[in-house]
All heavy atoms as atom14 arrays in JSON, in Angstrom:
{
  "sequence": "LDEGAIGEWCRQLAALAKDGREVIMVSSGAIAEGMKRLGWATRPHEI",
  "atom14_mask": [
    [1, 1, 1, 1, 1, 1, 1, 1, 0, 0, 0, 0, 0, 0],
    [1, 1, 1, 1, 1, 1, 1, 1, 0, 0, 0, 0, 0, 0],
    [1, 1, 1, 1, 1, 1, 1, 1, 1, 0, 0, 0, 0, 0],
    [1, 1, 1, 1, 0, 0, 0, 0, 0, 0, 0, 0, 0, 0],
    [1, 1, 1, 1, 1, 0, 0, 0, 0, 0, 0, 0, 0, 0],
    [1, 1, 1, 1, 1, 1, 1, 1, 0, 0, 0, 0, 0, 0],
    [1, 1, 1, 1, 0, 0, 0, 0, 0, 0, 0, 0, 0, 0],
    [1, 1, 1, 1, 1, 1, 1, 1, 1, 0, 0, 0, 0, 0],
    [1, 1, 1, 1, 1, 1, 1, 1, 1, 1, 1, 1, 1, 1],
    [1, 1, 1, 1, 1, 1, 0, 0, 0, 0, 0, 0, 0, 0],
    [1, 1, 1, 1, 1, 1, 1, 1, 1, 1, 1, 0, 0, 0],
    [1, 1, 1, 1, 1, 1, 1, 1, 1, 0, 0, 0, 0, 0],
    [1, 1, 1, 1, 1, 1, 1, 1, 0, 0, 0, 0, 0, 0],
    [1, 1, 1, 1, 1, 0, 0, 0, 0, 0, 0, 0, 0, 0],
    [1, 1, 1, 1, 1, 0, 0, 0, 0, 0, 0, 0, 0, 0],
    [1, 1, 1, 1, 1, 1, 1, 1, 0, 0, 0, 0, 0, 0],
    [1, 1, 1, 1, 1, 0, 0, 0, 0, 0, 0, 0, 0, 0],
    [1, 1, 1, 1, 1, 1, 1, 1, 1, 0, 0, 0, 0, 0],
    [1, 1, 1, 1, 1, 1, 1, 1, 0, 0, 0, 0, 0, 0],
    [1, 1, 1, 1, 0, 0, 0, 0, 0, 0, 0, 0, 0, 0],
    [1, 1, 1, 1, 1, 1, 1, 1, 1, 1, 1, 0, 0, 0],
    [1, 1, 1, 1, 1, 1, 1, 1, 1, 0, 0, 0, 0, 0],
    [1, 1, 1, 1, 1, 1, 1, 0, 0, 0, 0, 0, 0, 0],
    [1, 1, 1, 1, 1, 1, 1, 1, 0, 0, 0, 0, 0, 0],
    [1, 1, 1, 1, 1, 1, 1, 1, 0, 0, 0, 0, 0, 0],
    [1, 1, 1, 1, 1, 1, 1, 0, 0, 0, 0, 0, 0, 0],
    [1, 1, 1, 1, 1, 1, 0, 0, 0, 0, 0, 0, 0, 0],
    [1, 1, 1, 1, 1, 1, 0, 0, 0, 0, 0, 0, 0, 0],
    [1, 1, 1, 1, 0, 0, 0, 0, 0, 0, 0, 0, 0, 0],
    [1, 1, 1, 1, 1, 0, 0, 0, 0, 0, 0, 0, 0, 0],
    [1, 1, 1, 1, 1, 1, 1, 1, 0, 0, 0, 0, 0, 0],
    [1, 1, 1, 1, 1, 0, 0, 0, 0, 0, 0, 0, 0, 0],
    [1, 1, 1, 1, 1, 1, 1, 1, 1, 0, 0, 0, 0, 0],
    [1, 1, 1, 1, 0, 0, 0, 0, 0, 0, 0, 0, 0, 0],
    [1, 1, 1, 1, 1, 1, 1, 1, 0, 0, 0, 0, 0, 0],
    [1, 1, 1, 1, 1, 1, 1, 1, 1, 0, 0, 0, 0, 0],
    [1, 1, 1, 1, 1, 1, 1, 1, 1, 1, 1, 0, 0, 0],
    [1, 1, 1, 1, 1, 1, 1, 1, 0, 0, 0, 0, 0, 0],
    [1, 1, 1, 1, 0, 0, 0, 0, 0, 0, 0, 0, 0, 0],
    [1, 1, 1, 1, 1, 1, 1, 1, 1, 1, 1, 1, 1, 1],
    [1, 1, 1, 1, 1, 0, 0, 0, 0, 0, 0, 0, 0, 0],
    [1, 1, 1, 1, 1, 1, 1, 0, 0, 0, 0, 0, 0, 0],
    [1, 1, 1, 1, 1, 1, 1, 1, 1, 1, 1, 0, 0, 0],
    [1, 1, 1, 1, 1, 1, 1, 0, 0, 0, 0, 0, 0, 0],
    [1, 1, 1, 1, 1, 1, 1, 1, 1, 1, 0, 0, 0, 0],
    [1, 1, 1, 1, 1, 1, 1, 1, 1, 0, 0, 0, 0, 0],
    [1, 1, 1, 1, 1, 1, 1, 1, 0, 0, 0, 0, 0, 0]
  ],
  "atom14_positions": [
    [[-2.78, -5.33, 5.78], [-1.83, -4.15, 5.65], [-0.65, -4.11, 6.57], [-0.87, -4.26, 7.8], [-2.69, -2.9, 5.71], [-3.67, -2.64, 4.46], [-4.44, -1.34, 4.76], [-3.06, -2.65, 3.18], [0.0, 0.0, 0.0], [0.0, 0.0, 0.0], [0.0, 0.0, 0.0], [0.0, 0.0, 0.0], [0.0, 0.0, 0.0], [0.0, 0.0, 0.0]],
    [[0.6, -4.1, 6.08], [1.69, -3.97, 6.86], [1.96, -2.46, 7.2], [2.66, -1.76, 6.64], [2.93, -4.51, 6.1], [4.16, -4.69, 6.94], [4.27, -3.88, 7.94], [4.92, -5.59, 6.56], [0.0, 0.0, 0.0], [0.0, 0.0, 0.0], [0.0, 0.0, 0.0], [0.0, 0.0, 0.0], [0.0, 0.0, 0.0], [0.0, 0.0, 0.0]],
    [[1.44, -2.12, 8.43], [1.49, -0.71, 8.78], [3.01, -0.31, 8.99], [3.3, 0.86, 8.58], [0.86, -0.7, 10.2], [0.78, 0.85, 10.77], [0.11, 0.87, 12.03], [-0.55, -0.12, 12.46], [0.05, 2.01, 12.7], [0.0, 0.0, 0.0], [0.0, 0.0, 0.0], [0.0, 0.0, 0.0], [0.0, 0.0, 0.0], [0.0, 0.0, 0.0]],
    [[3.9, -1.13, 9.51], [5.21, -0.68, 9.63], [5.84, -0.25, 8.3], [6.61, 0.66, 8.17], [0.0, 0.0, 0.0], [0.0, 0.0, 0.0], [0.0, 0.0, 0.0], [0.0, 0.0, 0.0], [0.0, 0.0, 0.0], [0.0, 0.0, 0.0], [0.0, 0.0, 0.0], [0.0, 0.0, 0.0], [0.0, 0.0, 0.0], [0.0, 0.0, 0.0]],
    [[5.67, -1.35, 7.37], [6.31, -1.12, 6.01], [5.83, 0.12, 5.23], [6.57, 0.97, 4.74], [6.17, -2.37, 5.17], [0.0, 0.0, 0.0], [0.0, 0.0, 0.0], [0.0, 0.0, 0.0], [0.0, 0.0, 0.0], [0.0, 0.0, 0.0], [0.0, 0.0, 0.0], [0.0, 0.0, 0.0], [0.0, 0.0, 0.0], [0.0, 0.0, 0.0]],
    [[4.44, 0.31, 5.32], [3.86, 1.49, 4.78], [4.32, 2.7, 5.32], [4.61, 3.75, 4.72], [2.34, 1.43, 4.68], [1.85, 0.2, 3.98], [1.68, 2.7, 4.27], [0.3, -0.06, 3.86], [0.0, 0.0, 0.0], [0.0, 0.0, 0.0], [0.0, 0.0, 0.0], [0.0, 0.0, 0.0], [0.0, 0.0, 0.0], [0.0, 0.0, 0.0]],
    [[4.42, 2.68, 6.67], [4.96, 3.9, 7.43], [6.39, 4.2, 6.94], [6.7, 5.38, 6.85], [0.0, 0.0, 0.0], [0.0, 0.0, 0.0], [0.0, 0.0, 0.0], [0.0, 0.0, 0.0], [0.0, 0.0, 0.0], [0.0, 0.0, 0.0], [0.0, 0.0, 0.0], [0.0, 0.0, 0.0], [0.0, 0.0, 0.0], [0.0, 0.0, 0.0]],
    [[7.2, 3.18, 6.8], [8.68, 3.44, 6.3], [8.54, 4.05, 5.01], [9.36, 5.07, 4.65], [9.36, 2.23, 6.26], [10.06, 1.71, 7.62], [10.99, 2.88, 8.15], [12.08, 3.05, 7.44], [10.65, 3.54, 9.11], [0.0, 0.0, 0.0], [0.0, 0.0, 0.0], [0.0, 0.0, 0.0], [0.0, 0.0, 0.0], [0.0, 0.0, 0.0]],
    [[7.88, 3.54, 3.94], [7.77, 4.08, 2.68], [7.35, 5.65, 2.75], [7.75, 6.5, 1.94], [6.89, 3.32, 1.72], [7.43, 1.89, 1.49], [8.79, 1.51, 1.28], [6.71, 0.73, 1.48], [8.88, 0.2, 1.3], [7.66, -0.3, 1.29], [5.4, 0.4, 1.61], [7.37, -1.65, 1.17], [5.1, -0.96, 1.49], [5.98, -1.91, 1.35]],
    [[6.32, 5.86, 3.53], [5.78, 7.14, 3.56], [6.76, 8.08, 4.18], [6.79, 9.32, 3.87], [4.45, 7.18, 4.47], [3.02, 6.37, 3.62], [0.0, 0.0, 0.0], [0.0, 0.0, 0.0], [0.0, 0.0, 0.0], [0.0, 0.0, 0.0], [0.0, 0.0, 0.0], [0.0, 0.0, 0.0], [0.0, 0.0, 0.0], [0.0, 0.0, 0.0]],
    [[7.52, 7.67, 5.18], [8.61, 8.4, 5.76], [9.51, 8.95, 4.7], [9.98, 10.09, 4.66], [9.26, 7.68, 6.88], [10.43, 8.45, 7.57], [11.2, 7.64, 8.64], [11.72, 6.37, 8.1], [12.93, 6.39, 7.42], [13.57, 7.5, 7.28], [13.39, 5.3, 6.96], [0.0, 0.0, 0.0], [0.0, 0.0, 0.0], [0.0, 0.0, 0.0]],
    [[9.93, 7.9, 3.89], [10.94, 8.19, 2.82], [10.34, 9.1, 1.71], [10.97, 10.06, 1.28], [11.36, 6.95, 2.21], [12.3, 6.02, 3.19], [12.61, 4.82, 2.47], [13.37, 4.73, 1.54], [12.16, 3.64, 3.08], [0.0, 0.0, 0.0], [0.0, 0.0, 0.0], [0.0, 0.0, 0.0], [0.0, 0.0, 0.0], [0.0, 0.0, 0.0]],
    [[9.07, 8.91, 1.34], [8.37, 9.76, 0.41], [8.31, 11.19, 0.89], [8.59, 12.09, 0.17], [6.92, 9.23, 0.17], [6.85, 8.03, -0.66], [5.37, 7.48, -0.64], [7.37, 7.98, -2.02], [0.0, 0.0, 0.0], [0.0, 0.0, 0.0], [0.0, 0.0, 0.0], [0.0, 0.0, 0.0], [0.0, 0.0, 0.0], [0.0, 0.0, 0.0]],
    [[8.05, 11.42, 2.27], [7.99, 12.72, 2.73], [9.34, 13.36, 2.84], [9.49, 14.53, 2.46], [7.49, 12.56, 4.14], [0.0, 0.0, 0.0], [0.0, 0.0, 0.0], [0.0, 0.0, 0.0], [0.0, 0.0, 0.0], [0.0, 0.0, 0.0], [0.0, 0.0, 0.0], [0.0, 0.0, 0.0], [0.0, 0.0, 0.0], [0.0, 0.0, 0.0]],
    [[10.34, 12.56, 3.01], [11.72, 13.13, 3.12], [12.15, 13.64, 1.7], [12.69, 14.65, 1.52], [12.69, 12.13, 3.59], [0.0, 0.0, 0.0], [0.0, 0.0, 0.0], [0.0, 0.0, 0.0], [0.0, 0.0, 0.0], [0.0, 0.0, 0.0], [0.0, 0.0, 0.0], [0.0, 0.0, 0.0], [0.0, 0.0, 0.0], [0.0, 0.0, 0.0]],
    [[11.69, 12.84, 0.63], [12.05, 13.2, -0.64], [11.33, 14.47, -1.1], [11.87, 15.36, -1.81], [11.65, 12.08, -1.65], [12.54, 10.72, -1.56], [12.0, 9.75, -2.49], [14.06, 11.07, -1.78], [0.0, 0.0, 0.0], [0.0, 0.0, 0.0], [0.0, 0.0, 0.0], [0.0, 0.0, 0.0], [0.0, 0.0, 0.0], [0.0, 0.0, 0.0]],
    [[10.09, 14.56, -0.74], [9.24, 15.79, -1.01], [9.84, 16.89, -0.41], [9.86, 18.05, -0.95], [7.77, 15.55, -0.66], [0.0, 0.0, 0.0], [0.0, 0.0, 0.0], [0.0, 0.0, 0.0], [0.0, 0.0, 0.0], [0.0, 0.0, 0.0], [0.0, 0.0, 0.0], [0.0, 0.0, 0.0], [0.0, 0.0, 0.0], [0.0, 0.0, 0.0]],
    [[10.27, 16.85, 0.86], [10.83, 18.01, 1.55], [12.11, 18.37, 1.0], [12.71, 19.41, 1.31], [10.98, 17.69, 3.03], [9.52, 17.5, 3.78], [9.53, 17.0, 5.09], [8.3, 16.89, 5.7], [8.27, 16.13, 7.03], [0.0, 0.0, 0.0], [0.0, 0.0, 0.0], [0.0, 0.0, 0.0], [0.0, 0.0, 0.0], [0.0, 0.0, 0.0]],
    [[12.87, 17.39, 0.29], [14.04, 17.7, -0.42], [13.93, 18.39, -1.78], [14.76, 18.6, -2.51], [14.79, 16.37, -0.54], [16.28, 16.63, -1.16], [16.93, 17.58, -0.64], [16.7, 15.84, -2.1], [0.0, 0.0, 0.0], [0.0, 0.0, 0.0], [0.0, 0.0, 0.0], [0.0, 0.0, 0.0], [0.0, 0.0, 0.0], [0.0, 0.0, 0.0]],
    [[12.59, 18.72, -2.04], [12.29, 19.32, -3.36], [11.97, 18.45, -4.44], [11.81, 18.96, -5.61], [0.0, 0.0, 0.0], [0.0, 0.0, 0.0], [0.0, 0.0, 0.0], [0.0, 0.0, 0.0], [0.0, 0.0, 0.0], [0.0, 0.0, 0.0], [0.0, 0.0, 0.0], [0.0, 0.0, 0.0], [0.0, 0.0, 0.0], [0.0, 0.0, 0.0]],
    [[11.81, 17.15, -4.21], [11.52, 16.2, -5.3], [10.02, 16.04, -5.27], [9.28, 16.22, -4.22], [12.14, 14.82, -5.18], [13.7, 15.07, -5.1], [14.38, 13.69, -4.84], [15.82, 13.73, -4.63], [16.78, 13.71, -5.42], [16.52, 13.42, -6.78], [17.99, 13.95, -5.06], [0.0, 0.0, 0.0], [0.0, 0.0, 0.0], [0.0, 0.0, 0.0]],
    [[9.35, 15.72, -6.44], [7.97, 15.34, -6.48], [7.82, 13.84, -6.64], [8.4, 13.28, -7.37], [7.37, 16.01, -7.84], [7.5, 17.59, -7.7], [6.97, 18.2, -9.1], [7.15, 17.57, -10.05], [6.51, 19.37, -8.99], [0.0, 0.0, 0.0], [0.0, 0.0, 0.0], [0.0, 0.0, 0.0], [0.0, 0.0, 0.0], [0.0, 0.0, 0.0]],
    [[6.91, 13.29, -5.77], [6.8, 11.83, -5.71], [5.3, 11.45, -5.66], [4.44, 12.12, -5.21], [7.27, 11.37, -4.3], [8.86, 11.5, -4.26], [6.75, 12.09, -3.19], [0.0, 0.0, 0.0], [0.0, 0.0, 0.0], [0.0, 0.0, 0.0], [0.0, 0.0, 0.0], [0.0, 0.0, 0.0], [0.0, 0.0, 0.0], [0.0, 0.0, 0.0]],
    [[5.09, 10.3, -6.45], [3.77, 9.69, -6.64], [3.85, 8.37, -6.24], [4.84, 7.56, -6.73], [3.33, 9.94, -8.09], [3.01, 11.38, -8.36], [1.97, 9.09, -8.28], [2.62, 11.52, -9.86], [0.0, 0.0, 0.0], [0.0, 0.0, 0.0], [0.0, 0.0, 0.0], [0.0, 0.0, 0.0], [0.0, 0.0, 0.0], [0.0, 0.0, 0.0]],
    [[2.99, 7.84, -5.41], [2.97, 6.51, -5.04], [1.88, 5.67, -5.8], [0.61, 6.03, -5.86], [2.7, 6.29, -3.53], [2.49, 4.78, -3.05], [4.06, 3.76, -3.27], [4.82, 4.07, -1.73], [0.0, 0.0, 0.0], [0.0, 0.0, 0.0], [0.0, 0.0, 0.0], [0.0, 0.0, 0.0], [0.0, 0.0, 0.0], [0.0, 0.0, 0.0]],
    [[2.23, 4.56, -6.52], [1.26, 3.62, -7.06], [1.36, 2.39, -6.27], [2.28, 1.7, -6.15], [1.77, 3.32, -8.59], [0.68, 2.28, -9.13], [1.64, 4.51, -9.45], [0.0, 0.0, 0.0], [0.0, 0.0, 0.0], [0.0, 0.0, 0.0], [0.0, 0.0, 0.0], [0.0, 0.0, 0.0], [0.0, 0.0, 0.0], [0.0, 0.0, 0.0]],
    [[0.24, 2.24, -5.57], [0.2, 1.04, -4.56], [-0.89, 0.01, -4.89], [-2.0, 0.25, -5.01], [-0.16, 1.69, -3.18], [-0.14, 0.72, -2.18], [0.0, 0.0, 0.0], [0.0, 0.0, 0.0], [0.0, 0.0, 0.0], [0.0, 0.0, 0.0], [0.0, 0.0, 0.0], [0.0, 0.0, 0.0], [0.0, 0.0, 0.0], [0.0, 0.0, 0.0]],
    [[-0.38, -1.21, -4.94], [-1.27, -2.35, -4.95], [-1.85, -2.6, -3.6], [-1.39, -1.92, -2.63], [-0.45, -3.6, -5.41], [0.0, -3.41, -6.65], [0.0, 0.0, 0.0], [0.0, 0.0, 0.0], [0.0, 0.0, 0.0], [0.0, 0.0, 0.0], [0.0, 0.0, 0.0], [0.0, 0.0, 0.0], [0.0, 0.0, 0.0], [0.0, 0.0, 0.0]],
    [[-2.63, -3.73, -3.45], [-3.02, -4.02, -2.05], [-4.45, -3.89, -1.76], [-4.89, -4.55, -0.79], [0.0, 0.0, 0.0], [0.0, 0.0, 0.0], [0.0, 0.0, 0.0], [0.0, 0.0, 0.0], [0.0, 0.0, 0.0], [0.0, 0.0, 0.0], [0.0, 0.0, 0.0], [0.0, 0.0, 0.0], [0.0, 0.0, 0.0], [0.0, 0.0, 0.0]],
    [[-5.23, -3.25, -2.6], [-6.63, -3.13, -2.33], [-7.48, -4.33, -2.27], [-8.1, -4.75, -1.32], [-7.33, -2.13, -3.19], [0.0, 0.0, 0.0], [0.0, 0.0, 0.0], [0.0, 0.0, 0.0], [0.0, 0.0, 0.0], [0.0, 0.0, 0.0], [0.0, 0.0, 0.0], [0.0, 0.0, 0.0], [0.0, 0.0, 0.0], [0.0, 0.0, 0.0]],
    [[-7.2, -5.22, -3.3], [-7.88, -6.61, -3.38], [-7.34, -7.47, -2.15], [-8.17, -8.23, -1.45], [-7.71, -7.2, -4.74], [-8.4, -6.36, -5.78], [-8.15, -8.69, -4.78], [-8.25, -6.96, -7.28], [0.0, 0.0, 0.0], [0.0, 0.0, 0.0], [0.0, 0.0, 0.0], [0.0, 0.0, 0.0], [0.0, 0.0, 0.0], [0.0, 0.0, 0.0]],
    [[-6.11, -7.49, -2.09], [-5.57, -8.37, -1.01], [-6.03, -7.96, 0.38], [-6.39, -8.79, 1.25], [-3.93, -8.32, -0.98], [0.0, 0.0, 0.0], [0.0, 0.0, 0.0], [0.0, 0.0, 0.0], [0.0, 0.0, 0.0], [0.0, 0.0, 0.0], [0.0, 0.0, 0.0], [0.0, 0.0, 0.0], [0.0, 0.0, 0.0], [0.0, 0.0, 0.0]],
    [[-6.19, -6.64, 0.68], [-6.73, -6.19, 1.99], [-8.16, -6.57, 2.03], [-8.69, -6.99, 3.16], [-6.42, -4.63, 2.06], [-7.11, -4.07, 3.26], [-6.57, -4.63, 4.7], [-5.67, -5.31, 4.72], [-7.21, -4.18, 5.65], [0.0, 0.0, 0.0], [0.0, 0.0, 0.0], [0.0, 0.0, 0.0], [0.0, 0.0, 0.0], [0.0, 0.0, 0.0]],
    [[-8.8, -6.4, 0.94], [-10.31, -6.72, 0.96], [-10.48, -8.21, 1.27], [-11.46, -8.65, 1.99], [0.0, 0.0, 0.0], [0.0, 0.0, 0.0], [0.0, 0.0, 0.0], [0.0, 0.0, 0.0], [0.0, 0.0, 0.0], [0.0, 0.0, 0.0], [0.0, 0.0, 0.0], [0.0, 0.0, 0.0], [0.0, 0.0, 0.0], [0.0, 0.0, 0.0]],
    [[-9.62, -9.06, 0.65], [-9.75, -10.48, 0.89], [-9.52, -10.82, 2.46], [-10.27, -11.71, 2.92], [-8.64, -11.27, 0.12], [-8.95, -11.32, -1.39], [-7.46, -11.86, -2.35], [-7.01, -13.25, -1.41], [0.0, 0.0, 0.0], [0.0, 0.0, 0.0], [0.0, 0.0, 0.0], [0.0, 0.0, 0.0], [0.0, 0.0, 0.0], [0.0, 0.0, 0.0]],
    [[-8.67, -10.22, 3.02], [-8.45, -10.26, 4.41], [-9.59, -10.0, 5.22], [-10.0, -10.64, 6.14], [-7.22, -9.66, 4.82], [-6.63, -9.79, 6.22], [-6.95, -8.58, 7.12], [-6.35, -8.77, 8.5], [-6.78, -7.52, 9.33], [0.0, 0.0, 0.0], [0.0, 0.0, 0.0], [0.0, 0.0, 0.0], [0.0, 0.0, 0.0], [0.0, 0.0, 0.0]],
    [[-10.12, -8.74, 5.02], [-11.33, -8.24, 5.58], [-12.54, -9.06, 5.54], [-13.3, -9.18, 6.41], [-11.48, -6.86, 5.28], [-10.41, -5.8, 5.67], [-10.86, -4.34, 5.41], [-9.87, -3.49, 5.98], [-10.06, -2.19, 6.41], [-11.32, -1.75, 6.19], [-9.08, -1.44, 6.83], [0.0, 0.0, 0.0], [0.0, 0.0, 0.0], [0.0, 0.0, 0.0]],
    [[-12.67, -9.64, 4.3], [-13.71, -10.61, 4.08], [-13.52, -11.96, 4.42], [-14.45, -12.81, 4.4], [-14.04, -10.53, 2.53], [-14.47, -9.12, 2.01], [-14.5, -9.12, 0.57], [-15.93, -8.9, 2.46], [0.0, 0.0, 0.0], [0.0, 0.0, 0.0], [0.0, 0.0, 0.0], [0.0, 0.0, 0.0], [0.0, 0.0, 0.0], [0.0, 0.0, 0.0]],
    [[-12.45, -12.3, 4.95], [-12.14, -13.66, 5.42], [-11.78, -14.68, 4.22], [-12.03, -15.83, 4.44], [0.0, 0.0, 0.0], [0.0, 0.0, 0.0], [0.0, 0.0, 0.0], [0.0, 0.0, 0.0], [0.0, 0.0, 0.0], [0.0, 0.0, 0.0], [0.0, 0.0, 0.0], [0.0, 0.0, 0.0], [0.0, 0.0, 0.0], [0.0, 0.0, 0.0]],
    [[-11.4, -14.15, 3.02], [-11.22, -15.09, 1.93], [-9.72, -15.46, 1.89], [-8.81, -14.62, 1.95], [-11.48, -14.27, 0.59], [-12.97, -14.12, 0.46], [-13.97, -14.43, 1.25], [-13.51, -13.18, -0.52], [-15.14, -13.89, 0.83], [-14.92, -13.1, -0.26], [-12.99, -12.5, -1.62], [-15.74, -12.45, -1.09], [-13.86, -11.74, -2.44], [-15.26, -11.69, -2.15]],
    [[-9.41, -16.74, 1.84], [-8.13, -17.23, 1.91], [-7.41, -17.35, 0.55], [-6.18, -17.2, 0.4], [-8.0, -18.64, 2.45], [0.0, 0.0, 0.0], [0.0, 0.0, 0.0], [0.0, 0.0, 0.0], [0.0, 0.0, 0.0], [0.0, 0.0, 0.0], [0.0, 0.0, 0.0], [0.0, 0.0, 0.0], [0.0, 0.0, 0.0], [0.0, 0.0, 0.0]],
    [[-8.21, -17.48, -0.56], [-7.6, -17.5, -1.87], [-8.25, -16.34, -2.75], [-9.38, -15.91, -2.51], [-7.98, -18.86, -2.47], [-9.36, -19.06, -2.58], [-7.21, -19.98, -1.79], [0.0, 0.0, 0.0], [0.0, 0.0, 0.0], [0.0, 0.0, 0.0], [0.0, 0.0, 0.0], [0.0, 0.0, 0.0], [0.0, 0.0, 0.0], [0.0, 0.0, 0.0]],
    [[-7.55, -15.89, -3.79], [-7.99, -14.83, -4.61], [-9.11, -15.3, -5.49], [-8.96, -16.33, -6.18], [-6.7, -14.37, -5.51], [-7.13, -13.15, -6.35], [-5.96, -12.81, -7.3], [-6.32, -11.75, -8.23], [-6.0, -10.41, -8.14], [-5.2, -10.11, -7.06], [-6.22, -9.6, -9.07], [0.0, 0.0, 0.0], [0.0, 0.0, 0.0], [0.0, 0.0, 0.0]],
    [[-10.25, -14.63, -5.59], [-11.32, -15.12, -6.49], [-11.11, -14.95, -7.81], [-10.19, -14.2, -8.2], [-12.55, -14.29, -5.87], [-11.89, -12.98, -5.33], [-10.6, -13.49, -4.82], [0.0, 0.0, 0.0], [0.0, 0.0, 0.0], [0.0, 0.0, 0.0], [0.0, 0.0, 0.0], [0.0, 0.0, 0.0], [0.0, 0.0, 0.0], [0.0, 0.0, 0.0]],
    [[-11.89, -15.65, -8.69], [-11.6, -15.43, -10.14], [-12.79, -14.61, -10.68], [-12.57, -14.0, -11.76], [-11.6, -16.85, -10.78], [-10.42, -17.59, -10.4], [-9.2, -17.43, -10.71], [-10.24, -18.8, -9.49], [-8.32, -18.3, -10.22], [-9.0, -19.1, -9.46], [0.0, 0.0, 0.0], [0.0, 0.0, 0.0], [0.0, 0.0, 0.0], [0.0, 0.0, 0.0]],
    [[-13.96, -14.62, -10.09], [-15.05, -13.88, -10.7], [-14.86, -12.42, -10.46], [-14.5, -11.91, -9.48], [-16.35, -14.2, -9.89], [-16.77, -15.73, -10.07], [-17.29, -15.97, -11.53], [-17.78, -15.08, -12.16], [-17.21, -17.2, -11.92], [0.0, 0.0, 0.0], [0.0, 0.0, 0.0], [0.0, 0.0, 0.0], [0.0, 0.0, 0.0], [0.0, 0.0, 0.0]],
    [[-15.11, -11.67, -11.51], [-14.79, -10.17, -11.51], [-15.55, -9.44, -10.51], [-15.07, -8.6, -9.86], [-14.94, -9.61, -13.08], [-14.43, -8.27, -13.08], [-16.54, -9.75, -13.33], [-12.99, -8.11, -13.05], [0.0, 0.0, 0.0], [0.0, 0.0, 0.0], [0.0, 0.0, 0.0], [0.0, 0.0, 0.0], [0.0, 0.0, 0.0], [0.0, 0.0, 0.0]]
  ]
}
């Protein structure tokens, strides 16, 4: 997980919300982060 990048998007989302806009984040990354934590170098094919 790129902490700096996620932090920047969250900063902008918060600024938009405080400006009166409603924001929803759809974020990929769960499988990729899980692969990293499990030490897998390539994306598996088995469901």
